[in-house]
Amino acid sequence: MNKLYEDAEEFYKLVSTNVKKYRQEKGESQLEFSQNVGFNSVSFYCDCENNKNGKHFNLLHVVRIVDYLDIDVNKLIY
């Protein structure tokens, strides 16, 4: 790993920021993106993307997101 994250919250924030960036580049709303990635709740997705209410993307979410975006996972975690 090129960068060590001392704080899990810092890491979650980085992933959320990157997901938001790539979603916006794709030109999709949070609703469209969350449905296309397979989230059952847009509010849960929004909380993850905005790092609110203690919510964050888990590994399964990350895999679904990179698969949908057709990008390397490193683009979300670094």
Protein backbone atom coordinates (compact mmCIF):
# COMPACT_ATOMS: atom_id res chain seq x y z
CA MET A 1 0.00 0.00 0.00
CA ASN A 2 1.47 3.33 -1.05
CA LYS A 3 -0.30 5.37 1.60
CA LEU A 4 -1.15 4.31 5.11
CA TYR A 5 -4.34 5.65 6.59
CA GLU A 6 -4.04 6.26 10.30
CA ASP A 7 -7.69 7.07 10.65
CA ALA A 8 -10.51 5.00 9.15
CA GLU A 9 -12.69 8.08 8.81
CA GLU A 10 -10.04 9.70 6.61
CA PHE A 11 -10.12 6.66 4.35
CA TYR A 12 -13.93 6.56 4.18
CA LYS A 13 -13.98 10.26 3.30
CA LEU A 14 -11.47 9.71 0.49
CA VAL A 15 -13.52 6.86 -1.00
CA SER A 16 -16.73 8.91 -0.74
CA THR A 17 -15.11 11.90 -2.41
CA ASN A 18 -13.82 9.74 -5.25
CA VAL A 19 -17.17 8.00 -5.76
CA LYS A 20 -18.88 11.40 -5.95
CA LYS A 21 -16.29 12.67 -8.45
CA TYR A 22 -16.74 9.71 -10.79
CA ARG A 23 -20.54 9.78 -10.46
CA GLN A 24 -20.57 13.45 -11.42
CA GLU A 25 -18.19 12.82 -14.32
CA LYS A 26 -20.67 10.20 -15.54
CA GLY A 27 -23.39 12.86 -15.36
CA GLU A 28 -25.75 10.88 -13.13
CA SER A 29 -27.77 12.07 -10.17
CA GLN A 30 -27.41 10.30 -6.85
CA LEU A 31 -30.75 8.60 -7.50
CA GLU A 32 -29.77 7.34 -10.96
CA PHE A 33 -26.35 6.19 -9.82
CA SER A 34 -27.60 4.45 -6.68
CA GLN A 35 -30.20 2.54 -8.72
CA ASN A 36 -27.69 1.59 -11.42
CA VAL A 37 -25.20 0.33 -8.84
CA GLY A 38 -27.87 -1.68 -7.02
CA PHE A 39 -28.55 0.23 -3.81
CA ASN A 40 -32.03 -0.37 -2.41
CA SER A 41 -32.15 3.03 -0.73
CA VAL A 42 -31.06 6.31 -2.28
CA SER A 43 -30.92 7.89 1.18
CA PHE A 44 -28.41 5.26 2.32
CA TYR A 45 -26.33 5.88 -0.80
CA CYS A 46 -26.45 9.66 -0.21
CA ASP A 47 -25.33 9.18 3.39
CA CYS A 48 -22.39 7.06 2.18
CA GLU A 49 -21.41 9.50 -0.54
CA ASN A 50 -21.61 12.46 1.85
CA ASN A 51 -20.07 10.59 4.78
CA LYS A 52 -23.09 11.35 6.98
CA ASN A 53 -24.77 9.54 9.85
CA GLY A 54 -21.84 7.16 10.25
CA LYS A 55 -22.52 5.53 6.88
CA HIS A 56 -19.78 4.50 4.46
CA PHE A 57 -19.29 2.26 1.46
CA ASN A 58 -18.32 -1.32 2.24
CA LEU A 59 -16.28 -3.67 0.06
CA LEU A 60 -19.30 -5.00 -1.82
CA HIS A 61 -20.41 -1.45 -2.60
CA VAL A 62 -16.93 -0.58 -3.86
CA VAL A 63 -16.84 -3.65 -6.11
CA ARG A 64 -20.26 -2.82 -7.56
CA ILE A 65 -19.26 0.82 -8.10
CA VAL A 66 -15.97 0.08 -9.88
CA ASP A 67 -17.69 -2.57 -11.99
CA TYR A 68 -20.42 -0.13 -13.03
CA LEU A 69 -17.95 2.68 -13.69
CA ASP A 70 -15.53 0.27 -15.40
CA ILE A 71 -12.57 1.69 -13.50
CA ASP A 72 -9.73 0.24 -11.45
CA VAL A 73 -10.47 0.03 -7.74
CA ASN A 74 -7.32 2.05 -7.04
CA LYS A 75 -9.06 5.12 -8.45
CA LEU A 76 -11.46 4.99 -5.49
CA ILE A 77 -9.07 4.12 -2.70
CA TYR A 78 -6.03 6.27 -3.50
